N, C-alpha and C. Protein backbone atom coordinates (compact mmCIF):
# COMPACT_ATOMS: atom_id res chain seq x y z
N MET A 1 18.21 -7.33 1.51
CA MET A 1 18.44 -9.07 1.10
C MET A 1 17.19 -9.39 1.65
N THR A 2 16.39 -10.26 0.82
CA THR A 2 15.12 -11.22 1.31
C THR A 2 15.27 -12.33 2.21
N LYS A 3 15.30 -12.64 3.45
CA LYS A 3 15.79 -13.34 4.09
C LYS A 3 14.41 -15.08 4.28
N LYS A 4 13.34 -14.30 4.20
CA LYS A 4 12.39 -15.09 4.56
C LYS A 4 10.78 -14.78 4.06
N ASN A 5 10.37 -15.98 3.37
CA ASN A 5 8.80 -15.21 2.83
C ASN A 5 7.68 -16.74 3.57
N GLU A 6 6.98 -16.16 4.82
CA GLU A 6 6.00 -17.23 4.92
C GLU A 6 4.10 -16.57 5.20
N VAL A 7 3.46 -17.30 5.51
CA VAL A 7 2.80 -17.04 5.60
C VAL A 7 1.59 -17.54 6.72
N ILE A 8 0.86 -16.25 7.21
CA ILE A 8 -0.27 -16.73 8.37
C ILE A 8 -1.56 -16.47 8.06
N THR A 9 -1.96 -17.18 8.72
CA THR A 9 -3.67 -16.81 8.45
C THR A 9 -4.44 -16.52 9.51
N VAL A 10 -4.78 -15.62 9.43
CA VAL A 10 -5.76 -14.61 9.93
C VAL A 10 -7.26 -14.57 9.62
N GLN A 11 -8.02 -15.30 10.30
CA GLN A 11 -9.56 -15.03 10.16
C GLN A 11 -10.01 -16.11 9.06
N GLY A 12 -8.92 -16.91 8.62
CA GLY A 12 -9.13 -17.66 6.80
C GLY A 12 -8.54 -16.79 5.99
N ILE A 13 -8.23 -15.66 6.48
CA ILE A 13 -7.23 -15.68 5.29
C ILE A 13 -5.83 -16.09 4.95
N ALA A 14 -5.33 -16.20 4.29
CA ALA A 14 -3.62 -16.46 4.24
C ALA A 14 -3.36 -14.91 3.73
N ILE A 15 -1.93 -14.85 4.33
CA ILE A 15 -1.52 -13.29 4.41
C ILE A 15 -0.01 -13.83 4.22
N SER A 16 0.78 -12.87 2.86
CA SER A 16 2.07 -13.13 2.96
C SER A 16 2.87 -12.52 3.76
N VAL A 17 3.97 -12.88 3.92
CA VAL A 17 4.57 -12.22 5.25
C VAL A 17 6.27 -12.12 4.73
N VAL A 18 6.89 -10.90 4.50
CA VAL A 18 8.39 -11.33 3.58
C VAL A 18 9.09 -9.87 4.61
N GLU A 19 10.51 -11.07 5.02
CA GLU A 19 11.61 -10.27 5.68
C GLU A 19 12.50 -9.41 4.69
N HIS A 20 12.81 -8.67 4.69
CA HIS A 20 13.68 -7.66 4.20
C HIS A 20 14.21 -7.04 4.86
N ASN A 21 15.34 -6.75 4.77
CA ASN A 21 16.40 -6.05 5.94
C ASN A 21 16.36 -5.76 7.64
N LYS A 22 15.89 -7.40 7.55
CA LYS A 22 15.35 -7.85 8.78
C LYS A 22 14.19 -6.83 9.60
N ASP A 23 13.58 -6.51 8.35
CA ASP A 23 11.94 -5.81 8.49
C ASP A 23 10.74 -6.48 8.25
N ASP A 24 9.96 -6.66 8.82
CA ASP A 24 8.89 -7.96 8.02
C ASP A 24 7.33 -6.70 7.17
N TYR A 25 6.75 -7.56 6.26
CA TYR A 25 6.06 -6.65 5.31
C TYR A 25 4.49 -7.23 5.41
N VAL A 26 3.72 -6.96 5.59
CA VAL A 26 2.92 -8.26 5.45
C VAL A 26 2.46 -7.29 3.70
N SER A 27 1.56 -8.45 3.38
CA SER A 27 0.59 -8.42 2.06
C SER A 27 -0.50 -6.94 2.07
N LEU A 28 -1.06 -6.37 1.81
CA LEU A 28 -2.20 -5.53 1.86
C LEU A 28 -3.06 -5.72 1.33
N THR A 29 -2.85 -6.54 0.27
CA THR A 29 -3.29 -6.99 -0.91
C THR A 29 -4.21 -8.26 -0.10
N ASP A 30 -3.36 -9.21 0.45
CA ASP A 30 -3.61 -10.32 0.83
C ASP A 30 -4.83 -9.92 2.48
N MET A 31 -4.37 -8.52 2.70
CA MET A 31 -5.23 -8.60 3.55
C MET A 31 -6.76 -7.48 3.30
N ALA A 32 -6.45 -7.21 1.95
CA ALA A 32 -7.61 -6.97 1.22
C ALA A 32 -9.04 -7.83 0.83
N ALA A 33 -8.17 -9.25 0.59
CA ALA A 33 -9.28 -10.19 0.49
C ALA A 33 -10.25 -10.51 1.80
N PHE A 34 -9.73 -10.09 2.80
CA PHE A 34 -11.01 -10.93 4.20
C PHE A 34 -12.02 -9.16 3.59
N LYS A 35 -11.91 -8.08 2.91
CA LYS A 35 -13.29 -7.65 2.70
C LYS A 35 -13.86 -7.65 1.48
N ASN A 36 -12.69 -8.22 0.02
CA ASN A 36 -13.56 -8.14 -0.86
C ASN A 36 -12.47 -9.41 -1.47
N ALA A 37 -12.62 -10.41 -1.50
CA ALA A 37 -12.09 -12.01 -1.62
C ALA A 37 -12.16 -11.89 -3.87
N THR A 38 -13.27 -11.59 -3.91
CA THR A 38 -12.39 -12.32 -5.83
C THR A 38 -12.22 -10.56 -6.24
N ASP A 39 -11.98 -9.35 -5.57
CA ASP A 39 -11.01 -8.06 -6.28
C ASP A 39 -10.71 -7.31 -5.00
N PRO A 40 -9.57 -7.81 -4.62
CA PRO A 40 -9.15 -7.03 -3.21
C PRO A 40 -8.44 -5.94 -3.82
N ARG A 41 -7.89 -5.62 -5.21
CA ARG A 41 -7.46 -4.34 -5.57
C ARG A 41 -8.14 -3.51 -5.66
N GLN A 42 -9.67 -3.33 -5.53
CA GLN A 42 -9.75 -2.63 -5.75
C GLN A 42 -9.97 -2.05 -4.06
N VAL A 43 -10.12 -2.63 -2.73
CA VAL A 43 -10.12 -2.56 -1.97
C VAL A 43 -8.83 -1.31 -1.18
N VAL A 44 -7.87 -2.01 -2.02
CA VAL A 44 -6.22 -1.21 -2.00
C VAL A 44 -6.78 0.02 -2.34
N PHE A 45 -7.33 0.42 -3.85
CA PHE A 45 -7.17 1.21 -4.90
C PHE A 45 -8.48 1.70 -3.80
N ASN A 46 -9.77 1.89 -2.83
CA ASN A 46 -10.14 3.15 -2.33
C ASN A 46 -9.32 3.85 -1.05
N TRP A 47 -8.58 2.71 -0.52
CA TRP A 47 -7.78 3.18 0.67
C TRP A 47 -6.75 4.07 0.32
N MET A 48 -6.20 3.42 -0.71
CA MET A 48 -5.07 4.42 -1.28
C MET A 48 -5.33 5.88 -2.27
N SER A 49 -6.36 5.81 -2.06
CA SER A 49 -7.25 7.35 -2.65
C SER A 49 -7.25 8.27 -1.75
N THR A 50 -8.02 8.05 -0.55
CA THR A 50 -7.96 8.41 0.14
C THR A 50 -6.98 9.38 0.85
N TYR A 51 -7.47 10.86 1.17
CA TYR A 51 -6.72 11.96 1.75
C TYR A 51 -5.87 11.92 3.01
N TYR A 52 -6.38 10.82 4.36
CA TYR A 52 -5.69 10.36 5.50
C TYR A 52 -4.53 9.40 4.78
N THR A 53 -4.80 8.68 3.92
CA THR A 53 -3.73 7.72 3.21
C THR A 53 -2.62 8.55 2.54
N ILE A 54 -2.72 9.27 1.91
CA ILE A 54 -1.90 10.48 1.04
C ILE A 54 -1.50 11.13 2.35
N ASP A 55 -2.22 11.56 3.50
CA ASP A 55 -1.38 12.14 4.21
C ASP A 55 -0.47 11.69 5.16
N PHE A 56 -0.66 9.92 5.68
CA PHE A 56 0.15 9.16 6.23
C PHE A 56 1.09 8.66 5.59
N LEU A 57 1.01 9.01 4.43
CA LEU A 57 2.30 8.19 3.05
C LEU A 57 3.06 9.46 3.01
N ALA A 58 2.54 10.70 3.32
CA ALA A 58 3.50 11.82 3.89
C ALA A 58 4.75 12.30 4.66
N VAL A 59 3.86 11.34 6.14
CA VAL A 59 4.31 11.43 6.77
C VAL A 59 5.67 10.38 7.42
N TRP A 60 4.93 9.47 6.82
CA TRP A 60 6.21 8.47 6.81
C TRP A 60 7.32 8.91 6.10
N GLU A 61 6.94 9.16 5.17
CA GLU A 61 8.22 9.63 3.81
C GLU A 61 9.10 10.97 4.46
N GLN A 62 8.29 11.83 5.29
CA GLN A 62 9.05 12.95 6.08
C GLN A 62 10.08 12.26 7.17
N VAL A 63 9.68 11.04 7.82
CA VAL A 63 10.55 10.57 8.74
C VAL A 63 11.46 9.98 8.14
N ASN A 64 11.24 9.05 7.17
CA ASN A 64 12.04 7.87 6.16
C ASN A 64 13.25 8.33 5.38
N ASN A 65 12.36 9.33 4.90
CA ASN A 65 13.21 9.90 3.97
C ASN A 65 14.26 10.88 3.35
N PRO A 66 15.26 11.19 3.94
CA PRO A 66 15.47 12.64 4.28
C PRO A 66 15.42 13.33 2.91
N GLY A 67 15.57 12.81 1.64
CA GLY A 67 15.51 13.67 0.53
C GLY A 67 13.47 13.66 0.10
N PHE A 68 12.64 13.81 0.92
CA PHE A 68 11.41 13.55 0.54
C PHE A 68 11.58 15.09 -0.14
N ASN A 69 10.44 15.02 -0.91
CA ASN A 69 10.13 16.44 -2.15
C ASN A 69 9.14 16.71 -1.09
N ARG A 70 8.87 18.01 -0.50
CA ARG A 70 7.57 18.33 0.20
C ARG A 70 5.98 19.44 -0.59
N VAL A 71 7.07 20.13 -1.60
CA VAL A 71 7.13 20.72 -2.92
C VAL A 71 6.14 20.31 -3.54
N GLY A 72 6.90 18.97 -3.71
CA GLY A 72 6.24 18.02 -4.79
C GLY A 72 5.47 17.34 -4.54
N PHE A 73 5.35 16.84 -3.18
CA PHE A 73 4.15 16.15 -2.63
C PHE A 73 2.90 16.95 -2.50
N HIS A 74 2.90 18.04 -2.09
CA HIS A 74 1.69 19.05 -2.02
C HIS A 74 0.73 19.39 -3.59
N THR A 75 2.28 19.23 -4.55
CA THR A 75 1.45 19.30 -5.91
C THR A 75 0.65 18.15 -6.24
N VAL A 76 1.52 17.01 -6.14
CA VAL A 76 0.71 15.41 -6.21
C VAL A 76 -0.66 15.38 -5.44
N ARG A 77 -0.50 15.89 -4.26
CA ARG A 77 -1.87 15.61 -3.23
C ARG A 77 -3.17 16.83 -3.77
N ASN A 78 -2.52 17.97 -4.49
CA ASN A 78 -3.95 18.04 -4.09
C ASN A 78 -4.15 18.74 -5.91
N GLU A 79 -3.74 17.72 -6.63
CA GLU A 79 -4.03 17.71 -8.16
C GLU A 79 -4.97 17.17 -8.12
N PRO A 80 -6.26 17.41 -9.23
CA PRO A 80 -7.31 16.61 -9.44
C PRO A 80 -6.95 15.55 -10.17
N GLY A 81 -7.64 14.36 -10.00
CA GLY A 81 -7.24 12.98 -10.97
C GLY A 81 -6.15 12.41 -10.75
N ARG A 82 -5.03 12.88 -9.18
CA ARG A 82 -3.78 12.46 -9.28
C ARG A 82 -3.47 10.87 -8.66
N LEU A 83 -4.60 10.01 -8.96
CA LEU A 83 -4.58 8.58 -8.62
C LEU A 83 -5.83 7.74 -10.24
N LEU A 84 -4.83 7.23 -10.96
CA LEU A 84 -5.60 6.58 -11.86
C LEU A 84 -5.34 5.14 -12.06
N VAL A 85 -6.44 4.05 -12.21
CA VAL A 85 -5.87 3.06 -12.47
C VAL A 85 -5.90 2.31 -13.44
N LEU A 86 -4.83 1.86 -14.20
CA LEU A 86 -4.55 1.40 -15.59
C LEU A 86 -5.54 -0.39 -15.23
N GLN A 87 -6.26 -0.70 -16.43
CA GLN A 87 -7.02 -1.94 -15.88
C GLN A 87 -6.53 -2.80 -17.65
N LYS A 88 -6.27 -4.13 -17.31
CA LYS A 88 -6.02 -4.39 -18.43
C LYS A 88 -7.62 -4.98 -18.96
N ASN A 89 -7.90 -4.89 -20.54
CA ASN A 89 -8.92 -5.51 -20.45
C ASN A 89 -8.59 -6.94 -21.08
N VAL A 90 -9.69 -8.08 -19.93
CA VAL A 90 -9.22 -9.31 -19.95
C VAL A 90 -9.96 -9.79 -21.81
């Protein structure tokens, strides 16, 4: 159950913080606005597509997800074109 929503300001950037099940989560997109205020999703996309991030997420899943499918993970990690961005035509 979500208990609180608040905004903190870091170096002039408003960052959303949400509490869920007594854990706090910060908005990665809001933080990415520091690097690219007009299109922060590109910063997130670039970060999410690195092997370092993919490997970090695998470790996180191994620690926090008892049902983590390691074999499936390796298939996804090593597949060319594994991350696609769908963009809406504006």
